[in-house]
PDB file of N, CA and C in Angstrom:
ATOM      1  N   MET A   1      -0.581 -11.327   5.870  1.00  0.00           N
ATOM      2  CA  MET A   1      -0.334 -10.244   4.977  1.00  0.00           C
ATOM      3  C   MET A   1       1.160  -9.955   4.875  1.00  0.00           C
ATOM      4  N   GLU A   2       1.834 -10.080   6.005  1.00  0.00           N
ATOM      5  CA  GLU A   2       3.265  -9.811   5.979  1.00  0.00           C
ATOM      6  C   GLU A   2       3.991 -10.793   5.064  1.00  0.00           C
ATOM      7  N   ALA A   3       3.634 -12.079   5.161  1.00  0.00           N
ATOM      8  CA  ALA A   3       4.276 -13.087   4.309  1.00  0.00           C
ATOM      9  C   ALA A   3       3.974 -12.819   2.836  1.00  0.00           C
ATOM     10  N   PHE A   4       2.744 -12.446   2.541  1.00  0.00           N
ATOM     11  CA  PHE A   4       2.374 -12.133   1.161  1.00  0.00           C
ATOM     12  C   PHE A   4       3.182 -10.954   0.647  1.00  0.00           C
ATOM     13  N   ALA A   5       3.242  -9.881   1.437  1.00  0.00           N
ATOM     14  CA  ALA A   5       3.964  -8.679   1.012  1.00  0.00           C
ATOM     15  C   ALA A   5       5.451  -8.970   0.832  1.00  0.00           C
ATOM     16  N   THR A   6       6.037  -9.719   1.742  1.00  0.00           N
ATOM     17  CA  THR A   6       7.461 -10.055   1.643  1.00  0.00           C
ATOM     18  C   THR A   6       7.739 -10.840   0.369  1.00  0.00           C
ATOM     19  N   ALA A   7       6.931 -11.856   0.116  1.00  0.00           N
ATOM     20  CA  ALA A   7       7.124 -12.661  -1.100  1.00  0.00           C
ATOM     21  C   ALA A   7       6.893 -11.824  -2.357  1.00  0.00           C
ATOM     22  N   PHE A   8       5.892 -10.972  -2.331  1.00  0.00           N
ATOM     23  CA  PHE A   8       5.575 -10.126  -3.478  1.00  0.00           C
ATOM     24  C   PHE A   8       6.754  -9.233  -3.846  1.00  0.00           C
ATOM     25  N   PHE A   9       7.338  -8.578  -2.845  1.00  0.00           N
ATOM     26  CA  PHE A   9       8.456  -7.680  -3.121  1.00  0.00           C
ATOM     27  C   PHE A   9       9.737  -8.438  -3.476  1.00  0.00           C
ATOM     28  N   LYS A  10       9.941  -9.609  -2.891  1.00  0.00           N
ATOM     29  CA  LYS A  10      11.103 -10.419  -3.256  1.00  0.00           C
ATOM     30  C   LYS A  10      11.040 -10.864  -4.717  1.00  0.00           C
ATOM     31  N   LYS A  11       9.837 -11.012  -5.233  1.00  0.00           N
ATOM     32  CA  LYS A  11       9.656 -11.423  -6.631  1.00  0.00           C
ATOM     33  C   LYS A  11       9.582 -10.231  -7.580  1.00  0.00           C
ATOM     34  N   GLY A  12       9.906  -9.038  -7.072  1.00  0.00           N
ATOM     35  CA  GLY A  12       9.973  -7.873  -7.939  1.00  0.00           C
ATOM     36  C   GLY A  12       8.760  -6.965  -7.914  1.00  0.00           C
ATOM     37  N   GLY A  13       7.817  -7.244  -7.052  1.00  0.00           N
ATOM     38  CA  GLY A  13       6.638  -6.384  -6.946  1.00  0.00           C
ATOM     39  C   GLY A  13       7.028  -4.967  -6.550  1.00  0.00           C
ATOM     40  N   VAL A  14       6.243  -4.008  -6.981  1.00  0.00           N
ATOM     41  CA  VAL A  14       6.576  -2.605  -6.756  1.00  0.00           C
ATOM     42  C   VAL A  14       5.632  -1.926  -5.772  1.00  0.00           C
ATOM     43  N   GLN A  15       4.343  -2.240  -5.845  1.00  0.00           N
ATOM     44  CA  GLN A  15       3.378  -1.529  -5.010  1.00  0.00           C
ATOM     45  C   GLN A  15       2.221  -2.451  -4.645  1.00  0.00           C
ATOM     46  N   ILE A  16       1.764  -2.350  -3.397  1.00  0.00           N
ATOM     47  CA  ILE A  16       0.588  -3.087  -2.927  1.00  0.00           C
ATOM     48  C   ILE A  16      -0.329  -2.082  -2.240  1.00  0.00           C
ATOM     49  N   ASN A  17      -1.616  -2.223  -2.481  1.00  0.00           N
ATOM     50  CA  ASN A  17      -2.610  -1.409  -1.789  1.00  0.00           C
ATOM     51  C   ASN A  17      -3.578  -2.344  -1.083  1.00  0.00           C
ATOM     52  N   PHE A  18      -3.599  -2.280   0.237  1.00  0.00           N
ATOM     53  CA  PHE A  18      -4.496  -3.118   1.014  1.00  0.00           C
ATOM     54  C   PHE A  18      -5.709  -2.295   1.437  1.00  0.00           C
ATOM     55  N   ASN A  19      -6.889  -2.864   1.286  1.00  0.00           N
ATOM     56  CA  ASN A  19      -8.114  -2.291   1.825  1.00  0.00           C
ATOM     57  C   ASN A  19      -8.504  -3.154   3.015  1.00  0.00           C
ATOM     58  N   LEU A  20      -8.480  -2.563   4.193  1.00  0.00           N
ATOM     59  CA  LEU A  20      -8.800  -3.303   5.408  1.00  0.00           C
ATOM     60  C   LEU A  20     -10.106  -2.766   5.973  1.00  0.00           C
ATOM     61  N   VAL A  21     -11.183  -3.210   5.373  1.00  0.00           N
ATOM     62  CA  VAL A  21     -12.510  -2.768   5.771  1.00  0.00           C
ATOM     63  C   VAL A  21     -13.387  -4.000   5.877  1.00  0.00           C
ATOM     64  N   ASP A  22     -14.156  -4.080   6.932  1.00  0.00           N
ATOM     65  CA  ASP A  22     -15.065  -5.194   7.138  1.00  0.00           C
ATOM     66  C   ASP A  22     -16.121  -5.205   6.027  1.00  0.00           C
ATOM     67  N   LEU A  23     -16.301  -6.356   5.393  1.00  0.00           N
ATOM     68  CA  LEU A  23     -17.249  -6.484   4.294  1.00  0.00           C
ATOM     69  C   LEU A  23     -18.662  -6.111   4.727  1.00  0.00           C
ATOM     70  N   LYS A  24     -19.034  -6.493   5.935  1.00  0.00           N
ATOM     71  CA  LYS A  24     -20.376  -6.173   6.442  1.00  0.00           C
ATOM     72  C   LYS A  24     -20.573  -4.658   6.546  1.00  0.00           C
ATOM     73  N   ILE A  25     -19.534  -3.946   6.957  1.00  0.00           N
ATOM     74  CA  ILE A  25     -19.625  -2.485   7.067  1.00  0.00           C
ATOM     75  C   ILE A  25     -19.789  -1.861   5.686  1.00  0.00           C
ATOM     76  N   LEU A  26     -19.067  -2.382   4.691  1.00  0.00           N
ATOM     77  CA  LEU A  26     -19.232  -1.864   3.329  1.00  0.00           C
ATOM     78  C   LEU A  26     -20.653  -2.093   2.830  1.00  0.00           C
ATOM     79  N   GLU A  27     -21.192  -3.265   3.100  1.00  0.00           N
ATOM     80  CA  GLU A  27     -22.563  -3.552   2.673  1.00  0.00           C
ATOM     81  C   GLU A  27     -23.556  -2.642   3.377  1.00  0.00           C
ATOM     82  N   GLU A  28     -23.333  -2.373   4.658  1.00  0.00           N
ATOM     83  CA  GLU A  28     -24.201  -1.447   5.385  1.00  0.00           C
ATOM     84  C   GLU A  28     -24.094  -0.046   4.800  1.00  0.00           C
ATOM     85  N   ALA A  29     -22.883   0.363   4.461  1.00  0.00           N
ATOM     86  CA  ALA A  29     -22.673   1.695   3.882  1.00  0.00           C
ATOM     87  C   ALA A  29     -23.351   1.815   2.522  1.00  0.00           C
ATOM     88  N   MET A  30     -23.373   0.735   1.754  1.00  0.00           N
ATOM     89  CA  MET A  30     -24.054   0.744   0.454  1.00  0.00           C
ATOM     90  C   MET A  30     -25.545   1.004   0.625  1.00  0.00           C
ATOM     91  N   ASN A  31     -26.117   0.423   1.666  1.00  0.00           N
ATOM     92  CA  ASN A  31     -27.560   0.517   1.877  1.00  0.00           C
ATOM     93  C   ASN A  31     -27.980   1.762   2.654  1.00  0.00           C
ATOM     94  N   ASP A  32     -27.051   2.407   3.330  1.00  0.00           N
ATOM     95  CA  ASP A  32     -27.377   3.579   4.145  1.00  0.00           C
ATOM     96  C   ASP A  32     -26.264   4.604   4.040  1.00  0.00           C
ATOM     97  N   ASN A  33     -25.922   5.020   2.803  1.00  0.00           N
ATOM     98  CA  ASN A  33     -24.779   5.911   2.640  1.00  0.00           C
ATOM     99  C   ASN A  33     -25.058   7.334   3.098  1.00  0.00           C
ATOM    100  N   GLY A  34     -26.280   7.628   3.532  1.00  0.00           N
ATOM    101  CA  GLY A  34     -26.569   8.930   4.113  1.00  0.00           C
ATOM    102  C   GLY A  34     -26.175   9.025   5.578  1.00  0.00           C
ATOM    103  N   ASN A  35     -25.883   7.894   6.183  1.00  0.00           N
ATOM    104  CA  ASN A  35     -25.501   7.866   7.593  1.00  0.00           C
ATOM    105  C   ASN A  35     -24.069   8.374   7.741  1.00  0.00           C
ATOM    106  N   PRO A  36     -23.873   9.430   8.542  1.00  0.00           N
ATOM    107  CA  PRO A  36     -22.528  10.022   8.663  1.00  0.00           C
ATOM    108  C   PRO A  36     -21.458   9.080   9.212  1.00  0.00           C
ATOM    109  N   ILE A  37     -21.842   7.989   9.870  1.00  0.00           N
ATOM    110  CA  ILE A  37     -20.800   7.086  10.396  1.00  0.00           C
ATOM    111  C   ILE A  37     -20.030   6.403   9.277  1.00  0.00           C
ATOM    112  N   TYR A  38     -20.578   6.393   8.052  1.00  0.00           N
ATOM    113  CA  TYR A  38     -19.910   5.743   6.925  1.00  0.00           C
ATOM    114  C   TYR A  38     -19.122   6.719   6.050  1.00  0.00           C
ATOM    115  N   HIS A  39     -19.185   7.992   6.322  1.00  0.00           N
ATOM    116  CA  HIS A  39     -18.570   8.990   5.435  1.00  0.00           C
ATOM    117  C   HIS A  39     -17.044   8.971   5.441  1.00  0.00           C
ATOM    118  N   ASP A  40     -16.433   8.387   6.450  1.00  0.00           N
ATOM    119  CA  ASP A  40     -14.971   8.352   6.523  1.00  0.00           C
ATOM    120  C   ASP A  40     -14.360   7.089   5.921  1.00  0.00           C
ATOM    121  N   ILE A  41     -15.176   6.206   5.356  1.00  0.00           N
ATOM    122  CA  ILE A  41     -14.627   4.993   4.752  1.00  0.00           C
ATOM    123  C   ILE A  41     -13.974   5.374   3.431  1.00  0.00           C
ATOM    124  N   ASN A  42     -12.672   5.182   3.383  1.00  0.00           N
ATOM    125  CA  ASN A  42     -11.888   5.518   2.204  1.00  0.00           C
ATOM    126  C   ASN A  42     -11.291   4.224   1.662  1.00  0.00           C
ATOM    127  N   VAL A  43     -11.491   3.965   0.366  1.00  0.00           N
ATOM    128  CA  VAL A  43     -11.002   2.726  -0.226  1.00  0.00           C
ATOM    129  C   VAL A  43     -10.061   3.037  -1.376  1.00  0.00           C
ATOM    130  N   LYS A  44      -9.132   2.145  -1.616  1.00  0.00           N
ATOM    131  CA  LYS A  44      -8.180   2.267  -2.718  1.00  0.00           C
ATOM    132  C   LYS A  44      -8.745   1.509  -3.904  1.00  0.00           C
ATOM    133  N   VAL A  45      -8.896   2.201  -5.020  1.00  0.00           N
ATOM    134  CA  VAL A  45      -9.485   1.611  -6.220  1.00  0.00           C
ATOM    135  C   VAL A  45      -8.507   1.783  -7.367  1.00  0.00           C
ATOM    136  N   THR A  46      -7.778   0.735  -7.689  1.00  0.00           N
ATOM    137  CA  THR A  46      -6.827   0.718  -8.808  1.00  0.00           C
ATOM    138  C   THR A  46      -6.172   2.055  -9.111  1.00  0.00           C
ATOM    139  N   GLY A  47      -5.401   2.551  -8.186  1.00  0.00           N
ATOM    140  CA  GLY A  47      -4.597   3.737  -8.450  1.00  0.00           C
ATOM    141  C   GLY A  47      -5.123   5.025  -7.859  1.00  0.00           C
ATOM    142  N   TYR A  48      -6.308   5.023  -7.320  1.00  0.00           N
ATOM    143  CA  TYR A  48      -6.816   6.237  -6.679  1.00  0.00           C
ATOM    144  C   TYR A  48      -7.600   5.856  -5.436  1.00  0.00           C
ATOM    145  N   SER A  49      -7.791   6.820  -4.562  1.00  0.00           N
ATOM    146  CA  SER A  49      -8.594   6.610  -3.363  1.00  0.00           C
ATOM    147  C   SER A  49      -9.929   7.311  -3.522  1.00  0.00           C
ATOM    148  N   SER A  50     -10.948   6.752  -2.888  1.00  0.00           N
ATOM    149  CA  SER A  50     -12.278   7.340  -2.965  1.00  0.00           C
ATOM    150  C   SER A  50     -13.010   7.111  -1.656  1.00  0.00           C
ATOM    151  N   HIS A  51     -13.831   8.080  -1.283  1.00  0.00           N
ATOM    152  CA  HIS A  51     -14.749   7.841  -0.175  1.00  0.00           C
ATOM    153  C   HIS A  51     -15.811   6.884  -0.703  1.00  0.00           C
ATOM    154  N   PHE A  52     -15.979   5.773  -0.016  1.00  0.00           N
ATOM    155  CA  PHE A  52     -16.850   4.711  -0.497  1.00  0.00           C
ATOM    156  C   PHE A  52     -18.269   5.206  -0.770  1.00  0.00           C
ATOM    157  N   VAL A  53     -18.825   6.022   0.133  1.00  0.00           N
ATOM    158  CA  VAL A  53     -20.221   6.433  -0.017  1.00  0.00           C
ATOM    159  C   VAL A  53     -20.435   7.413  -1.164  1.00  0.00           C
ATOM    160  N   THR A  54     -19.360   8.015  -1.693  1.00  0.00           N
ATOM    161  CA  THR A  54     -19.532   8.929  -2.824  1.00  0.00           C
ATOM    162  C   THR A  54     -19.431   8.212  -4.164  1.00  0.00           C
ATOM    163  N   MET A  55     -19.030   6.955  -4.137  1.00  0.00           N
ATOM    164  CA  MET A  55     -18.933   6.175  -5.376  1.00  0.00           C
ATOM    165  C   MET A  55     -20.330   5.843  -5.881  1.00  0.00           C
ATOM    166  N   ASP A  56     -20.486   5.768  -7.191  1.00  0.00           N
ATOM    167  CA  ASP A  56     -21.736   5.341  -7.800  1.00  0.00           C
ATOM    168  C   ASP A  56     -22.101   3.955  -7.271  1.00  0.00           C
ATOM    169  N   LYS A  57     -23.387   3.683  -7.096  1.00  0.00           N
ATOM    170  CA  LYS A  57     -23.843   2.405  -6.530  1.00  0.00           C
ATOM    171  C   LYS A  57     -23.276   1.194  -7.283  1.00  0.00           C
ATOM    172  N   ARG A  58     -23.195   1.282  -8.604  1.00  0.00           N
ATOM    173  CA  ARG A  58     -22.683   0.115  -9.355  1.00  0.00           C
ATOM    174  C   ARG A  58     -21.200  -0.104  -9.075  1.00  0.00           C
ATOM    175  N   PHE A  59     -20.436   0.973  -8.814  1.00  0.00           N
ATOM    176  CA  PHE A  59     -19.023   0.824  -8.465  1.00  0.00           C
ATOM    177  C   PHE A  59     -18.866   0.310  -7.039  1.00  0.00           C
ATOM    178  N   GLN A  60     -19.761   0.745  -6.143  1.00  0.00           N
ATOM    179  CA  GLN A  60     -19.749   0.199  -4.787  1.00  0.00           C
ATOM    180  C   GLN A  60     -19.973  -1.305  -4.837  1.00  0.00           C
ATOM    181  N   LYS A  61     -20.981  -1.727  -5.607  1.00  0.00           N
ATOM    182  CA  LYS A  61     -21.305  -3.150  -5.729  1.00  0.00           C
ATOM    183  C   LYS A  61     -20.128  -3.925  -6.312  1.00  0.00           C
ATOM    184  N   GLU A  62     -19.531  -3.382  -7.362  1.00  0.00           N
ATOM    185  CA  GLU A  62     -18.374  -4.045  -7.982  1.00  0.00           C
ATOM    186  C   GLU A  62     -17.219  -4.155  -7.000  1.00  0.00           C
ATOM    187  N   PHE A  63     -16.954  -3.084  -6.248  1.00  0.00           N
ATOM    188  CA  PHE A  63     -15.867  -3.096  -5.276  1.00  0.00           C
ATOM    189  C   PHE A  63     -16.107  -4.173  -4.223  1.00  0.00           C
ATOM    190  N   VAL A  64     -17.329  -4.240  -3.682  1.00  0.00           N
ATOM    191  CA  VAL A  64     -17.643  -5.230  -2.656  1.00  0.00           C
ATOM    192  C   VAL A  64     -17.496  -6.638  -3.217  1.00  0.00           C
ATOM    193  N   GLU A  65     -17.951  -6.863  -4.438  1.00  0.00           N
ATOM    194  CA  GLU A  65     -17.818  -8.187  -5.043  1.00  0.00           C
ATOM    195  C   GLU A  65     -16.362  -8.551  -5.269  1.00  0.00           C
ATOM    196  N   ARG A  66     -15.559  -7.557  -5.633  1.00  0.00           N
ATOM    197  CA  ARG A  66     -14.154  -7.803  -5.930  1.00  0.00           C
ATOM    198  C   ARG A  66     -13.340  -8.117  -4.675  1.00  0.00           C
ATOM    199  N   VAL A  67     -13.703  -7.523  -3.542  1.00  0.00           N
ATOM    200  CA  VAL A  67     -12.927  -7.753  -2.325  1.00  0.00           C
ATOM    201  C   VAL A  67     -13.558  -8.793  -1.412  1.00  0.00           C
ATOM    202  N   ASN A  68     -14.613  -9.449  -1.880  1.00  0.00           N
ATOM    203  CA  ASN A  68     -15.299 -10.442  -1.076  1.00  0.00           C
ATOM    204  C   ASN A  68     -14.639 -11.806  -1.246  1.00  0.00           C
ATOM    205  N   TYR A  69     -13.571 -12.032  -0.525  1.00  0.00           N
ATOM    206  CA  TYR A  69     -12.843 -13.301  -0.619  1.00  0.00           C
ATOM    207  C   TYR A  69     -13.494 -14.388   0.230  1.00  0.00           C
ATOM    208  N   VAL A  70     -14.455 -14.016   1.054  1.00  0.00           N
ATOM    209  CA  VAL A  70     -15.138 -14.985   1.911  1.00  0.00           C
ATOM    210  C   VAL A  70     -15.937 -15.959   1.076  1.00  0.00           C
ATOM    211  N   SER A  71     -16.530 -15.492  -0.019  1.00  0.00           N
ATOM    212  CA  SER A  71     -17.406 -16.345  -0.811  1.00  0.00           C
ATOM    213  C   SER A  71     -16.652 -17.227  -1.806  1.00  0.00           C
ATOM    214  N   LEU A  72     -15.334 -17.118  -1.853  1.00  0.00           N
ATOM    215  CA  LEU A  72     -14.555 -17.945  -2.796  1.00  0.00           C
ATOM    216  C   LEU A  72     -14.420 -19.365  -2.312  1.00  0.00           C
TER     217      LEU A  72
END
C-alpha cells in the first residue's frame, strides 16, 4: 500500500481512501446486520463514510463486489 500511495501522489494524485475490512466480515455483516458486533464497521464510499450495516442491502452487495479483489 505504501508503494501504491507513494507512486499515486508522485503522479499528481490528490486523495486516497483505503477500506481495510476483511471481506468475510463484511459478508457476515450483510447476513446478520442486527448483530451489534458489526455496528462499528465504517466504510468509505466515494466521498462519504457510512456505517456498513445501515446501508441498503443492494449497496452493501455492490460495495462487497467492488472491493472483492480476491476473485479477480
